[in-house]
PDB file of N, CA and C in Angstrom:
ATOM      1  N   MET A   1       4.726 -29.475  -6.416  1.00  0.00           N
ATOM      2  CA  MET A   1       4.943 -29.787  -4.975  1.00  0.00           C
ATOM      3  C   MET A   1       5.546 -28.668  -4.044  1.00  0.00           C
ATOM      4  N   SER A   2       5.094 -28.646  -2.916  1.00  0.00           N
ATOM      5  CA  SER A   2       5.542 -27.123  -2.667  1.00  0.00           C
ATOM      6  C   SER A   2       7.193 -27.549  -2.092  1.00  0.00           C
ATOM      7  N   GLU A   3       8.055 -26.150  -1.359  1.00  0.00           N
ATOM      8  CA  GLU A   3       8.739 -26.198  -1.303  1.00  0.00           C
ATOM      9  C   GLU A   3       8.833 -27.183  -0.172  1.00  0.00           C
ATOM     10  N   GLU A   4       7.573 -26.622   1.385  1.00  0.00           N
ATOM     11  CA  GLU A   4       7.550 -27.768   2.329  1.00  0.00           C
ATOM     12  C   GLU A   4       6.845 -29.163   2.131  1.00  0.00           C
ATOM     13  N   GLN A   5       7.150 -29.388   1.554  1.00  0.00           N
ATOM     14  CA  GLN A   5       6.892 -30.514   0.478  1.00  0.00           C
ATOM     15  C   GLN A   5       7.978 -31.732   0.526  1.00  0.00           C
ATOM     16  N   ASP A   6       9.170 -30.532  -0.296  1.00  0.00           N
ATOM     17  CA  ASP A   6      10.353 -31.040  -1.188  1.00  0.00           C
ATOM     18  C   ASP A   6      10.745 -31.726   0.229  1.00  0.00           C
ATOM     19  N   VAL A   7      10.613 -32.623   0.773  1.00  0.00           N
ATOM     20  CA  VAL A   7      11.405 -33.094   1.579  1.00  0.00           C
ATOM     21  C   VAL A   7      12.537 -34.754   1.740  1.00  0.00           C
ATOM     22  N   VAL A   8      13.575 -33.723   1.778  1.00  0.00           N
ATOM     23  CA  VAL A   8      14.941 -34.517   1.254  1.00  0.00           C
ATOM     24  C   VAL A   8      14.729 -35.221   2.404  1.00  0.00           C
ATOM     25  N   GLN A   9      15.014 -37.164   1.818  1.00  0.00           N
ATOM     26  CA  GLN A   9      15.104 -38.287   2.711  1.00  0.00           C
ATOM     27  C   GLN A   9      16.657 -37.982   3.495  1.00  0.00           C
ATOM     28  N   GLY A  10      16.180 -38.557   4.985  1.00  0.00           N
ATOM     29  CA  GLY A  10      17.268 -38.850   6.050  1.00  0.00           C
ATOM     30  C   GLY A  10      18.134 -36.867   6.324  1.00  0.00           C
ATOM     31  N   GLU A  11      17.428 -35.863   5.871  1.00  0.00           N
ATOM     32  CA  GLU A  11      17.459 -34.282   6.115  1.00  0.00           C
ATOM     33  C   GLU A  11      17.340 -33.809   7.977  1.00  0.00           C
ATOM     34  N   THR A  12      17.945 -33.377   8.459  1.00  0.00           N
ATOM     35  CA  THR A  12      17.741 -33.042   9.873  1.00  0.00           C
ATOM     36  C   THR A  12      17.049 -31.669  10.018  1.00  0.00           C
ATOM     37  N   LYS A  13      16.640 -31.790  10.684  1.00  0.00           N
ATOM     38  CA  LYS A  13      16.224 -30.103  11.408  1.00  0.00           C
ATOM     39  C   LYS A  13      16.995 -28.878  10.548  1.00  0.00           C
ATOM     40  N   GLU A  14      18.154 -29.415  11.110  1.00  0.00           N
ATOM     41  CA  GLU A  14      19.350 -28.599  10.936  1.00  0.00           C
ATOM     42  C   GLU A  14      19.336 -28.333   9.076  1.00  0.00           C
ATOM     43  N   GLN A  15      19.543 -29.289   8.178  1.00  0.00           N
ATOM     44  CA  GLN A  15      19.500 -28.801   7.253  1.00  0.00           C
ATOM     45  C   GLN A  15      18.130 -28.443   6.056  1.00  0.00           C
ATOM     46  N   ARG A  16      17.424 -29.374   6.773  1.00  0.00           N
ATOM     47  CA  ARG A  16      15.550 -28.715   6.806  1.00  0.00           C
ATOM     48  C   ARG A  16      15.842 -26.838   6.338  1.00  0.00           C
ATOM     49  N   PHE A  17      16.144 -26.491   7.858  1.00  0.00           N
ATOM     50  CA  PHE A  17      16.619 -25.330   7.893  1.00  0.00           C
ATOM     51  C   PHE A  17      16.922 -24.289   7.223  1.00  0.00           C
ATOM     52  N   GLN A  18      18.536 -24.477   6.864  1.00  0.00           N
ATOM     53  CA  GLN A  18      19.514 -23.761   5.993  1.00  0.00           C
ATOM     54  C   GLN A  18      18.917 -23.642   4.634  1.00  0.00           C
ATOM     55  N   ARG A  19      17.788 -25.509   4.068  1.00  0.00           N
ATOM     56  CA  ARG A  19      17.801 -25.443   2.713  1.00  0.00           C
ATOM     57  C   ARG A  19      16.926 -24.735   2.246  1.00  0.00           C
ATOM     58  N   LEU A  20      15.843 -24.239   3.576  1.00  0.00           N
ATOM     59  CA  LEU A  20      14.682 -23.721   2.991  1.00  0.00           C
ATOM     60  C   LEU A  20      15.206 -21.872   3.615  1.00  0.00           C
ATOM     61  N   ALA A  21      15.899 -21.517   4.606  1.00  0.00           N
ATOM     62  CA  ALA A  21      16.063 -20.658   4.547  1.00  0.00           C
ATOM     63  C   ALA A  21      17.147 -20.010   3.569  1.00  0.00           C
ATOM     64  N   THR A  22      17.940 -20.692   3.222  1.00  0.00           N
ATOM     65  CA  THR A  22      18.602 -20.265   1.867  1.00  0.00           C
ATOM     66  C   THR A  22      17.485 -19.380   0.680  1.00  0.00           C
ATOM     67  N   LYS A  23      16.793 -20.426   0.797  1.00  0.00           N
ATOM     68  CA  LYS A  23      15.824 -20.536  -0.887  1.00  0.00           C
ATOM     69  C   LYS A  23      15.075 -19.293  -0.548  1.00  0.00           C
ATOM     70  N   ARG A  24      14.473 -18.802   0.587  1.00  0.00           N
ATOM     71  CA  ARG A  24      13.466 -18.075   0.563  1.00  0.00           C
ATOM     72  C   ARG A  24      14.009 -16.444   0.747  1.00  0.00           C
ATOM     73  N   THR A  25      14.781 -16.708   2.065  1.00  0.00           N
ATOM     74  CA  THR A  25      16.162 -15.636   1.932  1.00  0.00           C
ATOM     75  C   THR A  25      16.521 -14.779   0.485  1.00  0.00           C
ATOM     76  N   GLN A  26      16.727 -15.903  -0.075  1.00  0.00           N
ATOM     77  CA  GLN A  26      17.270 -14.604  -2.037  1.00  0.00           C
ATOM     78  C   GLN A  26      16.217 -14.882  -2.661  1.00  0.00           C
ATOM     79  N   ALA A  27      14.603 -15.177  -1.809  1.00  0.00           N
ATOM     80  CA  ALA A  27      13.649 -14.661  -2.678  1.00  0.00           C
ATOM     81  C   ALA A  27      13.032 -13.743  -2.486  1.00  0.00           C
ATOM     82  N   ALA A  28      13.627 -13.417  -1.434  1.00  0.00           N
ATOM     83  CA  ALA A  28      13.303 -12.465  -0.290  1.00  0.00           C
ATOM     84  C   ALA A  28      13.533 -11.346  -1.068  1.00  0.00           C
ATOM     85  N   LEU A  29      15.177 -11.159  -1.141  1.00  0.00           N
ATOM     86  CA  LEU A  29      16.053 -10.425  -1.612  1.00  0.00           C
ATOM     87  C   LEU A  29      16.148 -10.115  -2.927  1.00  0.00           C
ATOM     88  N   GLN A  30      15.509 -10.609  -3.679  1.00  0.00           N
ATOM     89  CA  GLN A  30      15.123 -10.258  -5.215  1.00  0.00           C
ATOM     90  C   GLN A  30      14.179  -9.286  -5.304  1.00  0.00           C
ATOM     91  N   LYS A  31      13.150  -9.831  -4.168  1.00  0.00           N
ATOM     92  CA  LYS A  31      12.249  -8.768  -4.375  1.00  0.00           C
ATOM     93  C   LYS A  31      12.084  -8.051  -3.850  1.00  0.00           C
ATOM     94  N   ILE A  32      13.147  -7.480  -3.476  1.00  0.00           N
ATOM     95  CA  ILE A  32      13.437  -6.142  -2.547  1.00  0.00           C
ATOM     96  C   ILE A  32      14.330  -5.370  -3.705  1.00  0.00           C
ATOM     97  N   ARG A  33      14.822  -5.614  -4.629  1.00  0.00           N
ATOM     98  CA  ARG A  33      15.354  -5.504  -5.526  1.00  0.00           C
ATOM     99  C   ARG A  33      14.877  -5.162  -6.563  1.00  0.00           C
ATOM    100  N   LEU A  34      14.132  -5.444  -6.949  1.00  0.00           N
ATOM    101  CA  LEU A  34      12.693  -5.664  -7.991  1.00  0.00           C
ATOM    102  C   LEU A  34      11.808  -4.052  -6.969  1.00  0.00           C
ATOM    103  N   LEU A  35      11.754  -4.134  -6.458  1.00  0.00           N
ATOM    104  CA  LEU A  35      11.349  -3.031  -5.773  1.00  0.00           C
ATOM    105  C   LEU A  35      12.442  -1.809  -5.733  1.00  0.00           C
ATOM    106  N   GLY A  36      13.695  -1.919  -5.647  1.00  0.00           N
ATOM    107  CA  GLY A  36      14.536  -0.895  -5.640  1.00  0.00           C
ATOM    108  C   GLY A  36      14.302  -0.107  -7.651  1.00  0.00           C
ATOM    109  N   ASN A  37      14.003  -0.927  -8.533  1.00  0.00           N
ATOM    110  CA  ASN A  37      13.602  -1.007  -9.988  1.00  0.00           C
ATOM    111  C   ASN A  37      12.944   0.703  -9.574  1.00  0.00           C
ATOM    112  N   LEU A  38      11.884   0.411  -9.053  1.00  0.00           N
ATOM    113  CA  LEU A  38      10.508   1.451  -8.441  1.00  0.00           C
ATOM    114  C   LEU A  38      11.704   2.932  -8.476  1.00  0.00           C
ATOM    115  N   THR A  39      12.601   2.660  -8.111  1.00  0.00           N
ATOM    116  CA  THR A  39      13.246   4.207  -8.047  1.00  0.00           C
ATOM    117  C   THR A  39      13.507   4.674  -9.417  1.00  0.00           C
ATOM    118  N   SER A  40      13.677   4.480 -10.518  1.00  0.00           N
ATOM    119  CA  SER A  40      14.041   4.439 -12.060  1.00  0.00           C
ATOM    120  C   SER A  40      13.488   5.615 -12.332  1.00  0.00           C
ATOM    121  N   SER A  41      13.789   6.164 -13.475  1.00  0.00           N
ATOM    122  CA  SER A  41      12.735   7.942 -13.856  1.00  0.00           C
ATOM    123  C   SER A  41      11.673   7.295 -15.228  1.00  0.00           C
ATOM    124  N   SER A  42      11.219   5.751 -14.414  1.00  0.00           N
ATOM    125  CA  SER A  42      10.399   5.228 -15.926  1.00  0.00           C
ATOM    126  C   SER A  42       8.893   5.489 -14.900  1.00  0.00           C
ATOM    127  N   TYR A  43       9.512   5.560 -13.572  1.00  0.00           N
ATOM    128  CA  TYR A  43       8.202   5.869 -13.077  1.00  0.00           C
ATOM    129  C   TYR A  43       8.316   7.095 -12.344  1.00  0.00           C
ATOM    130  N   SER A  44       6.936   7.730 -11.347  1.00  0.00           N
ATOM    131  CA  SER A  44       7.277   8.696 -10.400  1.00  0.00           C
ATOM    132  C   SER A  44       6.290   8.584  -9.621  1.00  0.00           C
ATOM    133  N   TYR A  45       6.751   8.838  -7.965  1.00  0.00           N
ATOM    134  CA  TYR A  45       6.095   8.475  -7.062  1.00  0.00           C
ATOM    135  C   TYR A  45       5.983   9.510  -5.517  1.00  0.00           C
ATOM    136  N   THR A  46       5.164   9.633  -5.052  1.00  0.00           N
ATOM    137  CA  THR A  46       5.395  10.728  -3.772  1.00  0.00           C
ATOM    138  C   THR A  46       6.775  10.170  -2.452  1.00  0.00           C
ATOM    139  N   PRO A  47       6.865  11.273  -2.258  1.00  0.00           N
ATOM    140  CA  PRO A  47       7.887  10.778  -0.479  1.00  0.00           C
ATOM    141  C   PRO A  47       7.363   9.704  -0.207  1.00  0.00           C
ATOM    142  N   GLU A  48       5.903  10.470   0.228  1.00  0.00           N
ATOM    143  CA  GLU A  48       4.689   9.570   0.914  1.00  0.00           C
ATOM    144  C   GLU A  48       5.007   8.231   0.398  1.00  0.00           C
ATOM    145  N   GLN A  49       4.833   8.053  -1.105  1.00  0.00           N
ATOM    146  CA  GLN A  49       4.129   6.617  -1.092  1.00  0.00           C
ATOM    147  C   GLN A  49       5.850   5.653  -1.065  1.00  0.00           C
ATOM    148  N   ALA A  50       7.053   6.179  -0.771  1.00  0.00           N
ATOM    149  CA  ALA A  50       8.551   5.618  -0.947  1.00  0.00           C
ATOM    150  C   ALA A  50       9.041   5.486   0.690  1.00  0.00           C
ATOM    151  N   ALA A  51       7.970   6.470   1.497  1.00  0.00           N
ATOM    152  CA  ALA A  51       8.443   6.607   3.212  1.00  0.00           C
ATOM    153  C   ALA A  51       7.205   5.044   3.772  1.00  0.00           C
ATOM    154  N   LYS A  52       6.041   4.846   2.832  1.00  0.00           N
ATOM    155  CA  LYS A  52       4.955   3.436   2.799  1.00  0.00           C
ATOM    156  C   LYS A  52       5.561   2.778   2.767  1.00  0.00           C
ATOM    157  N   ILE A  53       6.087   2.549   1.673  1.00  0.00           N
ATOM    158  CA  ILE A  53       6.491   0.899   1.155  1.00  0.00           C
ATOM    159  C   ILE A  53       8.081   0.295   2.246  1.00  0.00           C
ATOM    160  N   LEU A  54       8.882   1.326   2.747  1.00  0.00           N
ATOM    161  CA  LEU A  54      10.195   1.069   3.634  1.00  0.00           C
ATOM    162  C   LEU A  54       9.561   1.018   4.708  1.00  0.00           C
ATOM    163  N   GLY A  55       8.086   1.756   5.141  1.00  0.00           N
ATOM    164  CA  GLY A  55       7.954   1.315   6.809  1.00  0.00           C
ATOM    165  C   GLY A  55       7.806   0.182   6.786  1.00  0.00           C
ATOM    166  N   ALA A  56       6.892  -0.639   5.521  1.00  0.00           N
ATOM    167  CA  ALA A  56       6.284  -1.537   5.317  1.00  0.00           C
ATOM    168  C   ALA A  56       7.846  -3.048   5.149  1.00  0.00           C
ATOM    169  N   LEU A  57       8.602  -2.212   5.206  1.00  0.00           N
ATOM    170  CA  LEU A  57       9.206  -3.513   4.744  1.00  0.00           C
ATOM    171  C   LEU A  57      10.162  -3.982   6.298  1.00  0.00           C
ATOM    172  N   ARG A  58      10.423  -2.206   6.961  1.00  0.00           N
ATOM    173  CA  ARG A  58      11.634  -2.260   8.526  1.00  0.00           C
ATOM    174  C   ARG A  58      10.165  -3.176   8.935  1.00  0.00           C
ATOM    175  N   ALA A  59       8.931  -3.129   9.660  1.00  0.00           N
ATOM    176  CA  ALA A  59       8.119  -3.811  10.222  1.00  0.00           C
ATOM    177  C   ALA A  59       8.187  -4.967  10.092  1.00  0.00           C
ATOM    178  N   ALA A  60       8.242  -5.556   8.501  1.00  0.00           N
ATOM    179  CA  ALA A  60       8.203  -6.848   8.666  1.00  0.00           C
ATOM    180  C   ALA A  60       9.253  -7.645   8.894  1.00  0.00           C
ATOM    181  N   VAL A  61      10.718  -6.899   8.430  1.00  0.00           N
ATOM    182  CA  VAL A  61      12.041  -7.514   9.223  1.00  0.00           C
ATOM    183  C   VAL A  61      11.843  -7.221  10.744  1.00  0.00           C
ATOM    184  N   GLY A  62      11.218  -6.225  11.205  1.00  0.00           N
ATOM    185  CA  GLY A  62      11.423  -6.425  12.446  1.00  0.00           C
ATOM    186  C   GLY A  62      10.547  -7.585  13.208  1.00  0.00           C
ATOM    187  N   GLU A  63       9.670  -7.684  12.724  1.00  0.00           N
ATOM    188  CA  GLU A  63       8.200  -8.632  12.854  1.00  0.00           C
ATOM    189  C   GLU A  63       9.265 -10.254  13.471  1.00  0.00           C
ATOM    190  N   VAL A  64      10.146 -10.436  12.283  1.00  0.00           N
ATOM    191  CA  VAL A  64      10.708 -11.818  11.970  1.00  0.00           C
ATOM    192  C   VAL A  64      12.209 -11.572  12.625  1.00  0.00           C
ATOM    193  N   GLU A  65      12.746 -10.819  13.229  1.00  0.00           N
ATOM    194  CA  GLU A  65      13.519 -10.488  14.206  1.00  0.00           C
ATOM    195  C   GLU A  65      13.229 -10.535  15.121  1.00  0.00           C
ATOM    196  N   ALA A  66      12.151 -10.285  15.451  1.00  0.00           N
ATOM    197  CA  ALA A  66      11.745 -10.687  17.124  1.00  0.00           C
ATOM    198  C   ALA A  66      11.614 -12.194  17.022  1.00  0.00           C
ATOM    199  N   LYS A  67      10.731 -13.042  16.289  1.00  0.00           N
ATOM    200  CA  LYS A  67      11.011 -14.147  16.456  1.00  0.00           C
ATOM    201  C   LYS A  67      11.800 -14.968  16.421  1.00  0.00           C
ATOM    202  N   PHE A  68      12.431 -14.016  15.756  1.00  0.00           N
ATOM    203  CA  PHE A  68      14.029 -14.862  15.848  1.00  0.00           C
ATOM    204  C   PHE A  68      14.377 -15.231  17.576  1.00  0.00           C
ATOM    205  N   ASN A  69      14.461 -13.337  17.445  1.00  0.00           N
ATOM    206  CA  ASN A  69      15.082 -13.594  19.062  1.00  0.00           C
ATOM    207  C   ASN A  69      14.189 -14.312  20.574  1.00  0.00           C
ATOM    208  N   ARG A  70      13.035 -14.411  19.681  1.00  0.00           N
ATOM    209  CA  ARG A  70      12.662 -15.124  20.582  1.00  0.00           C
ATOM    210  C   ARG A  70      13.235 -16.381  20.800  1.00  0.00           C
ATOM    211  N   VAL A  71      12.962 -17.079  19.660  1.00  0.00           N
ATOM    212  CA  VAL A  71      14.053 -18.813  20.398  1.00  0.00           C
ATOM    213  C   VAL A  71      15.253 -19.102  20.298  1.00  0.00           C
ATOM    214  N   ARG A  72      15.941 -17.861  19.909  1.00  0.00           N
ATOM    215  CA  ARG A  72      17.325 -17.438  20.207  1.00  0.00           C
ATOM    216  C   ARG A  72      17.550 -16.468  19.865  1.00  0.00           C
ATOM    217  N   ASN A  73      19.361 -15.995  21.323  1.00  0.00           N
ATOM    218  CA  ASN A  73      19.532 -14.773  20.684  1.00  0.00           C
ATOM    219  C   ASN A  73      20.316 -14.550  19.952  1.00  0.00           C
ATOM    220  N   THR A  74      20.321 -13.852  18.951  1.00  0.00           N
ATOM    221  CA  THR A  74      21.235 -14.014  17.417  1.00  0.00           C
ATOM    222  C   THR A  74      21.763 -13.027  17.379  1.00  0.00           C
ATOM    223  N   GLY A  75      22.883 -12.807  16.704  1.00  0.00           N
ATOM    224  CA  GLY A  75      23.601 -11.249  16.302  1.00  0.00           C
ATOM    225  C   GLY A  75      22.813 -10.703  14.624  1.00  0.00           C
ATOM    226  N   ALA A  76      23.222  -9.764  15.021  1.00  0.00           N
ATOM    227  CA  ALA A  76      22.775  -8.818  12.966  1.00  0.00           C
ATOM    228  C   ALA A  76      23.644  -9.900  11.826  1.00  0.00           C
ATOM    229  N   ALA A  77      22.519  -9.839  10.650  1.00  0.00           N
ATOM    230  CA  ALA A  77      22.751 -10.407   9.761  1.00  0.00           C
ATOM    231  C   ALA A  77      23.476 -10.139   9.195  1.00  0.00           C
ATOM    232  N   GLU A  78      24.178 -10.860   7.746  1.00  0.00           N
ATOM    233  CA  GLU A  78      25.444 -10.321   7.468  1.00  0.00           C
ATOM    234  C   GLU A  78      24.912  -9.655   6.403  1.00  0.00           C
ATOM    235  N   SER A  79      25.389  -8.547   5.243  1.00  0.00           N
ATOM    236  CA  SER A  79      25.414  -8.220   4.421  1.00  0.00           C
ATOM    237  C   SER A  79      24.470  -9.052   3.380  1.00  0.00           C
ATOM    238  N   SER A  80      25.510  -9.796   2.636  1.00  0.00           N
ATOM    239  CA  SER A  80      25.632 -11.610   1.600  1.00  0.00           C
ATOM    240  C   SER A  80      24.913 -12.151   2.723  1.00  0.00           C
ATOM    241  N   PHE A  81      23.835 -13.457   2.574  1.00  0.00           N
ATOM    242  CA  PHE A  81      23.399 -14.313   2.471  1.00  0.00           C
ATOM    243  C   PHE A  81      24.085 -15.821   2.292  1.00  0.00           C
ATOM    244  N   THR A  82      24.219 -16.438   2.946  1.00  0.00           N
ATOM    245  CA  THR A  82      24.509 -17.688   3.287  1.00  0.00           C
ATOM    246  C   THR A  82      24.571 -18.587   4.438  1.00  0.00           C
ATOM    247  N   LEU A  83      24.409 -19.514   4.326  1.00  0.00           N
ATOM    248  CA  LEU A  83      24.164 -20.177   5.562  1.00  0.00           C
ATOM    249  C   LEU A  83      25.604 -21.210   5.956  1.00  0.00           C
TER     250      LEU A  83
END
């Protein structure tokens, strides 16, 4: 069963948001940490490749930020994520 189908009985929209946002944000942060592992001496990359990865990440974060700002004007995210 996918996380969207994993509905908790009696869960409010805010509770569902908190549950899914926490799970998805933790997963995204873990994937970003894994990208960071590519900087070890076990790999070789060009500055252009690094810039392309960082540009894609910045663009994706910008899109998410724009979506949240359209719905609600929110402040900056904390470095340690919890809801």
